[in-house]
Amino acid sequence: MIHIGNLIKVRLHEQGHTVIWLAASLNYTRVNIYKIFNRESMDTDLLYRISCLLQHDFFDDLSKSYHQEDKNS
């Protein structure tokens, strides 16, 4: 299974955004964003909001991971 928080962190930095930008966009504190980076899973509403902000389909990443694990079982 992929670590969704780490994937968000990587995507954020690839796009040149900062933790401060994401925190302001979500109306969160920077501390909460760092907590998100440490999460292996999260609420779908939050993941949807982050997907929209970063214009990246994290649900697709999770689905691909699921199907890959299914093939390996």
PDB file of N, CA and C in Angstrom:
ATOM      1  N   MET A   1       0.848  -1.182   0.000  1.00  0.00           N
ATOM      2  CA  MET A   1       0.000   0.000   0.000  1.00  0.00           C
ATOM      3  C   MET A   1       0.890   1.242   0.000  1.00  0.00           C
ATOM      4  N   ILE A   2       0.449   2.253  -0.691  1.00  0.00           N
ATOM      5  CA  ILE A   2       1.227   3.484  -0.744  1.00  0.00           C
ATOM      6  C   ILE A   2       0.975   4.335   0.492  1.00  0.00           C
ATOM      7  N   HIS A   3       1.945   5.145   0.823  1.00  0.00           N
ATOM      8  CA  HIS A   3       1.843   6.070   1.953  1.00  0.00           C
ATOM      9  C   HIS A   3       1.307   7.382   1.391  1.00  0.00           C
ATOM     10  N   ILE A   4       0.040   7.646   1.577  1.00  0.00           N
ATOM     11  CA  ILE A   4      -0.626   8.774   0.929  1.00  0.00           C
ATOM     12  C   ILE A   4      -0.058  10.116   1.377  1.00  0.00           C
ATOM     13  N   GLY A   5       0.291  10.240   2.641  1.00  0.00           N
ATOM     14  CA  GLY A   5       0.852  11.496   3.131  1.00  0.00           C
ATOM     15  C   GLY A   5       2.169  11.831   2.457  1.00  0.00           C
ATOM     16  N   ASN A   6       3.010  10.814   2.296  1.00  0.00           N
ATOM     17  CA  ASN A   6       4.287  11.025   1.628  1.00  0.00           C
ATOM     18  C   ASN A   6       4.072  11.398   0.159  1.00  0.00           C
ATOM     19  N   LEU A   7       3.119  10.759  -0.475  1.00  0.00           N
ATOM     20  CA  LEU A   7       2.815  11.067  -1.873  1.00  0.00           C
ATOM     21  C   LEU A   7       2.346  12.515  -2.026  1.00  0.00           C
ATOM     22  N   ILE A   8       1.537  12.981  -1.103  1.00  0.00           N
ATOM     23  CA  ILE A   8       1.080  14.376  -1.130  1.00  0.00           C
ATOM     24  C   ILE A   8       2.275  15.318  -0.970  1.00  0.00           C
ATOM     25  N   LYS A   9       3.147  14.992  -0.045  1.00  0.00           N
ATOM     26  CA  LYS A   9       4.338  15.817   0.190  1.00  0.00           C
ATOM     27  C   LYS A   9       5.195  15.909  -1.066  1.00  0.00           C
ATOM     28  N   VAL A  10       5.428  14.791  -1.709  1.00  0.00           N
ATOM     29  CA  VAL A  10       6.238  14.766  -2.931  1.00  0.00           C
ATOM     30  C   VAL A  10       5.581  15.600  -4.023  1.00  0.00           C
ATOM     31  N   ARG A  11       4.294  15.404  -4.213  1.00  0.00           N
ATOM     32  CA  ARG A  11       3.559  16.134  -5.259  1.00  0.00           C
ATOM     33  C   ARG A  11       3.580  17.642  -4.994  1.00  0.00           C
ATOM     34  N   LEU A  12       3.400  18.020  -3.739  1.00  0.00           N
ATOM     35  CA  LEU A  12       3.412  19.427  -3.355  1.00  0.00           C
ATOM     36  C   LEU A  12       4.740  20.076  -3.749  1.00  0.00           C
ATOM     37  N   HIS A  13       5.833  19.412  -3.422  1.00  0.00           N
ATOM     38  CA  HIS A  13       7.152  19.966  -3.715  1.00  0.00           C
ATOM     39  C   HIS A  13       7.474  19.922  -5.212  1.00  0.00           C
ATOM     40  N   GLU A  14       7.013  18.880  -5.906  1.00  0.00           N
ATOM     41  CA  GLU A  14       7.206  18.807  -7.358  1.00  0.00           C
ATOM     42  C   GLU A  14       6.562  20.000  -8.060  1.00  0.00           C
ATOM     43  N   GLN A  15       5.441  20.428  -7.532  1.00  0.00           N
ATOM     44  CA  GLN A  15       4.715  21.547  -8.139  1.00  0.00           C
ATOM     45  C   GLN A  15       5.238  22.906  -7.681  1.00  0.00           C
ATOM     46  N   GLY A  16       6.195  22.898  -6.782  1.00  0.00           N
ATOM     47  CA  GLY A  16       6.784  24.148  -6.322  1.00  0.00           C
ATOM     48  C   GLY A  16       5.973  24.891  -5.281  1.00  0.00           C
ATOM     49  N   HIS A  17       4.996  24.205  -4.691  1.00  0.00           N
ATOM     50  CA  HIS A  17       4.190  24.816  -3.637  1.00  0.00           C
ATOM     51  C   HIS A  17       4.865  24.600  -2.285  1.00  0.00           C
ATOM     52  N   THR A  18       4.475  25.396  -1.329  1.00  0.00           N
ATOM     53  CA  THR A  18       5.029  25.295   0.019  1.00  0.00           C
ATOM     54  C   THR A  18       3.986  24.747   0.986  1.00  0.00           C
ATOM     55  N   VAL A  19       4.467  24.350   2.134  1.00  0.00           N
ATOM     56  CA  VAL A  19       3.583  23.909   3.208  1.00  0.00           C
ATOM     57  C   VAL A  19       2.664  25.067   3.613  1.00  0.00           C
ATOM     58  N   ILE A  20       3.212  26.265   3.633  1.00  0.00           N
ATOM     59  CA  ILE A  20       2.418  27.441   3.986  1.00  0.00           C
ATOM     60  C   ILE A  20       1.274  27.633   2.992  1.00  0.00           C
ATOM     61  N   TRP A  21       1.546  27.440   1.706  1.00  0.00           N
ATOM     62  CA  TRP A  21       0.505  27.576   0.671  1.00  0.00           C
ATOM     63  C   TRP A  21      -0.605  26.552   0.904  1.00  0.00           C
ATOM     64  N   LEU A  22      -0.227  25.293   1.122  1.00  0.00           N
ATOM     65  CA  LEU A  22      -1.240  24.251   1.327  1.00  0.00           C
ATOM     66  C   LEU A  22      -2.033  24.507   2.598  1.00  0.00           C
ATOM     67  N   ALA A  23      -1.357  24.917   3.651  1.00  0.00           N
ATOM     68  CA  ALA A  23      -2.044  25.206   4.910  1.00  0.00           C
ATOM     69  C   ALA A  23      -3.064  26.326   4.724  1.00  0.00           C
ATOM     70  N   ALA A  24      -2.663  27.384   4.051  1.00  0.00           N
ATOM     71  CA  ALA A  24      -3.579  28.510   3.817  1.00  0.00           C
ATOM     72  C   ALA A  24      -4.746  28.084   2.928  1.00  0.00           C
ATOM     73  N   SER A  25      -4.468  27.275   1.925  1.00  0.00           N
ATOM     74  CA  SER A  25      -5.510  26.824   1.002  1.00  0.00           C
ATOM     75  C   SER A  25      -6.557  25.946   1.683  1.00  0.00           C
ATOM     76  N   LEU A  26      -6.112  25.171   2.663  1.00  0.00           N
ATOM     77  CA  LEU A  26      -7.024  24.274   3.391  1.00  0.00           C
ATOM     78  C   LEU A  26      -7.557  24.907   4.675  1.00  0.00           C
ATOM     79  N   ASN A  27      -7.059  26.101   4.990  1.00  0.00           N
ATOM     80  CA  ASN A  27      -7.388  26.761   6.253  1.00  0.00           C
ATOM     81  C   ASN A  27      -6.942  25.901   7.440  1.00  0.00           C
ATOM     82  N   TYR A  28      -5.751  25.336   7.313  1.00  0.00           N
ATOM     83  CA  TYR A  28      -5.125  24.511   8.344  1.00  0.00           C
ATOM     84  C   TYR A  28      -3.873  25.228   8.831  1.00  0.00           C
ATOM     85  N   THR A  29      -3.312  24.736   9.921  1.00  0.00           N
ATOM     86  CA  THR A  29      -2.017  25.229  10.371  1.00  0.00           C
ATOM     87  C   THR A  29      -0.913  24.425   9.685  1.00  0.00           C
ATOM     88  N   ARG A  30       0.284  24.974   9.706  1.00  0.00           N
ATOM     89  CA  ARG A  30       1.419  24.235   9.139  1.00  0.00           C
ATOM     90  C   ARG A  30       1.636  22.928   9.884  1.00  0.00           C
ATOM     91  N   VAL A  31       1.434  22.941  11.188  1.00  0.00           N
ATOM     92  CA  VAL A  31       1.591  21.726  11.989  1.00  0.00           C
ATOM     93  C   VAL A  31       0.653  20.635  11.481  1.00  0.00           C
ATOM     94  N   ASN A  32      -0.588  21.006  11.158  1.00  0.00           N
ATOM     95  CA  ASN A  32      -1.549  20.014  10.645  1.00  0.00           C
ATOM     96  C   ASN A  32      -1.119  19.470   9.287  1.00  0.00           C
ATOM     97  N   ILE A  33      -0.489  20.289   8.465  1.00  0.00           N
ATOM     98  CA  ILE A  33      -0.012  19.808   7.168  1.00  0.00           C
ATOM     99  C   ILE A  33       1.098  18.783   7.372  1.00  0.00           C
ATOM    100  N   TYR A  34       2.007  19.053   8.289  1.00  0.00           N
ATOM    101  CA  TYR A  34       3.060  18.070   8.582  1.00  0.00           C
ATOM    102  C   TYR A  34       2.473  16.774   9.125  1.00  0.00           C
ATOM    103  N   LYS A  35       1.392  16.876   9.874  1.00  0.00           N
ATOM    104  CA  LYS A  35       0.706  15.667  10.351  1.00  0.00           C
ATOM    105  C   LYS A  35       0.105  14.893   9.187  1.00  0.00           C
ATOM    106  N   ILE A  36      -0.426  15.613   8.188  1.00  0.00           N
ATOM    107  CA  ILE A  36      -0.970  14.966   6.986  1.00  0.00           C
ATOM    108  C   ILE A  36       0.138  14.190   6.283  1.00  0.00           C
ATOM    109  N   PHE A  37       1.324  14.780   6.173  1.00  0.00           N
ATOM    110  CA  PHE A  37       2.446  14.107   5.517  1.00  0.00           C
ATOM    111  C   PHE A  37       2.804  12.792   6.201  1.00  0.00           C
ATOM    112  N   ASN A  38       2.522  12.670   7.479  1.00  0.00           N
ATOM    113  CA  ASN A  38       2.847  11.442   8.222  1.00  0.00           C
ATOM    114  C   ASN A  38       1.753  10.386   8.163  1.00  0.00           C
ATOM    115  N   ARG A  39       0.628  10.725   7.586  1.00  0.00           N
ATOM    116  CA  ARG A  39      -0.500   9.777   7.554  1.00  0.00           C
ATOM    117  C   ARG A  39      -0.342   8.749   6.429  1.00  0.00           C
ATOM    118  N   GLU A  40      -0.644   7.517   6.777  1.00  0.00           N
ATOM    119  CA  GLU A  40      -0.686   6.464   5.755  1.00  0.00           C
ATOM    120  C   GLU A  40      -2.044   6.427   5.077  1.00  0.00           C
ATOM    121  N   SER A  41      -3.053   6.956   5.743  1.00  0.00           N
ATOM    122  CA  SER A  41      -4.404   7.008   5.187  1.00  0.00           C
ATOM    123  C   SER A  41      -5.073   8.277   5.698  1.00  0.00           C
ATOM    124  N   MET A  42      -6.204   8.634   5.082  1.00  0.00           N
ATOM    125  CA  MET A  42      -6.919   9.831   5.527  1.00  0.00           C
ATOM    126  C   MET A  42      -8.352   9.814   5.034  1.00  0.00           C
ATOM    127  N   ASP A  43      -9.126  10.726   5.569  1.00  0.00           N
ATOM    128  CA  ASP A  43     -10.516  10.918   5.205  1.00  0.00           C
ATOM    129  C   ASP A  43     -10.627  11.250   3.715  1.00  0.00           C
ATOM    130  N   THR A  44     -11.604  10.675   3.050  1.00  0.00           N
ATOM    131  CA  THR A  44     -11.740  10.904   1.612  1.00  0.00           C
ATOM    132  C   THR A  44     -12.063  12.353   1.267  1.00  0.00           C
ATOM    133  N   ASP A  45     -12.805  13.049   2.130  1.00  0.00           N
ATOM    134  CA  ASP A  45     -13.116  14.455   1.866  1.00  0.00           C
ATOM    135  C   ASP A  45     -11.837  15.290   1.842  1.00  0.00           C
ATOM    136  N   LEU A  46     -10.961  15.069   2.800  1.00  0.00           N
ATOM    137  CA  LEU A  46      -9.696  15.795   2.836  1.00  0.00           C
ATOM    138  C   LEU A  46      -8.837  15.435   1.627  1.00  0.00           C
ATOM    139  N   LEU A  47      -8.789  14.167   1.286  1.00  0.00           N
ATOM    140  CA  LEU A  47      -8.006  13.744   0.125  1.00  0.00           C
ATOM    141  C   LEU A  47      -8.554  14.365  -1.154  1.00  0.00           C
ATOM    142  N   TYR A  48      -9.862  14.464  -1.257  1.00  0.00           N
ATOM    143  CA  TYR A  48     -10.481  15.100  -2.420  1.00  0.00           C
ATOM    144  C   TYR A  48     -10.086  16.573  -2.506  1.00  0.00           C
ATOM    145  N   ARG A  49     -10.145  17.270  -1.373  1.00  0.00           N
ATOM    146  CA  ARG A  49      -9.783  18.686  -1.361  1.00  0.00           C
ATOM    147  C   ARG A  49      -8.324  18.893  -1.760  1.00  0.00           C
ATOM    148  N   ILE A  50      -7.445  18.048  -1.256  1.00  0.00           N
ATOM    149  CA  ILE A  50      -6.031  18.149  -1.608  1.00  0.00           C
ATOM    150  C   ILE A  50      -5.834  17.809  -3.084  1.00  0.00           C
ATOM    151  N   SER A  51      -6.546  16.809  -3.570  1.00  0.00           N
ATOM    152  CA  SER A  51      -6.467  16.449  -4.995  1.00  0.00           C
ATOM    153  C   SER A  51      -6.855  17.632  -5.881  1.00  0.00           C
ATOM    154  N   CYS A  52      -7.903  18.329  -5.491  1.00  0.00           N
ATOM    155  CA  CYS A  52      -8.346  19.494  -6.271  1.00  0.00           C
ATOM    156  C   CYS A  52      -7.301  20.604  -6.238  1.00  0.00           C
ATOM    157  N   LEU A  53      -6.763  20.877  -5.069  1.00  0.00           N
ATOM    158  CA  LEU A  53      -5.770  21.941  -4.934  1.00  0.00           C
ATOM    159  C   LEU A  53      -4.507  21.650  -5.737  1.00  0.00           C
ATOM    160  N   LEU A  54      -4.052  20.411  -5.681  1.00  0.00           N
ATOM    161  CA  LEU A  54      -2.820  20.041  -6.366  1.00  0.00           C
ATOM    162  C   LEU A  54      -3.067  19.554  -7.793  1.00  0.00           C
ATOM    163  N   GLN A  55      -4.339  19.504  -8.168  1.00  0.00           N
ATOM    164  CA  GLN A  55      -4.739  19.036  -9.494  1.00  0.00           C
ATOM    165  C   GLN A  55      -4.082  17.687  -9.816  1.00  0.00           C
ATOM    166  N   HIS A  56      -4.223  16.782  -8.861  1.00  0.00           N
ATOM    167  CA  HIS A  56      -3.670  15.440  -9.006  1.00  0.00           C
ATOM    168  C   HIS A  56      -4.657  14.445  -8.400  1.00  0.00           C
ATOM    169  N   ASP A  57      -4.922  13.369  -9.115  1.00  0.00           N
ATOM    170  CA  ASP A  57      -5.894  12.369  -8.670  1.00  0.00           C
ATOM    171  C   ASP A  57      -5.218  11.337  -7.771  1.00  0.00           C
ATOM    172  N   PHE A  58      -5.195  11.624  -6.474  1.00  0.00           N
ATOM    173  CA  PHE A  58      -4.600  10.693  -5.526  1.00  0.00           C
ATOM    174  C   PHE A  58      -5.428   9.417  -5.396  1.00  0.00           C
ATOM    175  N   PHE A  59      -6.698   9.494  -5.704  1.00  0.00           N
ATOM    176  CA  PHE A  59      -7.547   8.306  -5.680  1.00  0.00           C
ATOM    177  C   PHE A  59      -7.099   7.316  -6.755  1.00  0.00           C
ATOM    178  N   ASP A  60      -6.672   7.835  -7.887  1.00  0.00           N
ATOM    179  CA  ASP A  60      -6.152   6.983  -8.952  1.00  0.00           C
ATOM    180  C   ASP A  60      -4.871   6.286  -8.495  1.00  0.00           C
ATOM    181  N   ASP A  61      -4.017   7.011  -7.789  1.00  0.00           N
ATOM    182  CA  ASP A  61      -2.795   6.404  -7.256  1.00  0.00           C
ATOM    183  C   ASP A  61      -3.132   5.266  -6.306  1.00  0.00           C
ATOM    184  N   LEU A  62      -4.120   5.477  -5.443  1.00  0.00           N
ATOM    185  CA  LEU A  62      -4.541   4.430  -4.508  1.00  0.00           C
ATOM    186  C   LEU A  62      -5.127   3.235  -5.249  1.00  0.00           C
ATOM    187  N   SER A  63      -5.922   3.512  -6.273  1.00  0.00           N
ATOM    188  CA  SER A  63      -6.528   2.440  -7.062  1.00  0.00           C
ATOM    189  C   SER A  63      -5.461   1.609  -7.768  1.00  0.00           C
ATOM    190  N   LYS A  64      -4.479   2.265  -8.340  1.00  0.00           N
ATOM    191  CA  LYS A  64      -3.394   1.542  -9.017  1.00  0.00           C
ATOM    192  C   LYS A  64      -2.619   0.688  -8.028  1.00  0.00           C
ATOM    193  N   SER A  65      -2.394   1.217  -6.840  1.00  0.00           N
ATOM    194  CA  SER A  65      -1.699   0.465  -5.804  1.00  0.00           C
ATOM    195  C   SER A  65      -2.507  -0.770  -5.411  1.00  0.00           C
ATOM    196  N   TYR A  66      -3.815  -0.588  -5.290  1.00  0.00           N
ATOM    197  CA  TYR A  66      -4.706  -1.705  -4.945  1.00  0.00           C
ATOM    198  C   TYR A  66      -4.631  -2.803  -6.005  1.00  0.00           C
ATOM    199  N   HIS A  67      -4.723  -2.420  -7.265  1.00  0.00           N
ATOM    200  CA  HIS A  67      -4.703  -3.400  -8.346  1.00  0.00           C
ATOM    201  C   HIS A  67      -3.349  -4.085  -8.462  1.00  0.00           C
ATOM    202  N   GLN A  68      -2.298  -3.369  -8.178  1.00  0.00           N
ATOM    203  CA  GLN A  68      -0.957  -3.966  -8.203  1.00  0.00           C
ATOM    204  C   GLN A  68      -0.821  -4.994  -7.102  1.00  0.00           C
ATOM    205  N   GLU A  69      -1.300  -4.672  -5.909  1.00  0.00           N
ATOM    206  CA  GLU A  69      -1.251  -5.616  -4.792  1.00  0.00           C
ATOM    207  C   GLU A  69      -2.128  -6.828  -5.070  1.00  0.00           C
ATOM    208  N   ASP A  70      -3.272  -6.604  -5.739  1.00  0.00           N
ATOM    209  CA  ASP A  70      -4.183  -7.686  -6.079  1.00  0.00           C
ATOM    210  C   ASP A  70      -3.498  -8.673  -7.012  1.00  0.00           C
ATOM    211  N   LYS A  71      -2.697  -8.191  -7.951  1.00  0.00           N
ATOM    212  CA  LYS A  71      -1.982  -9.053  -8.884  1.00  0.00           C
ATOM    213  C   LYS A  71      -0.895  -9.843  -8.188  1.00  0.00           C
ATOM    214  N   ASN A  72      -0.326  -9.279  -7.142  1.00  0.00           N
ATOM    215  CA  ASN A  72       0.758  -9.945  -6.425  1.00  0.00           C
ATOM    216  C   ASN A  72       0.274 -10.949  -5.399  1.00  0.00           C
ATOM    217  N   SER A  73      -1.041 -10.995  -5.153  1.00  0.00           N
ATOM    218  CA  SER A  73      -1.580 -11.910  -4.143  1.00  0.00           C
ATOM    219  C   SER A  73      -1.843 -13.279  -4.702  1.00  0.00           C
TER     220      SER A  73
END
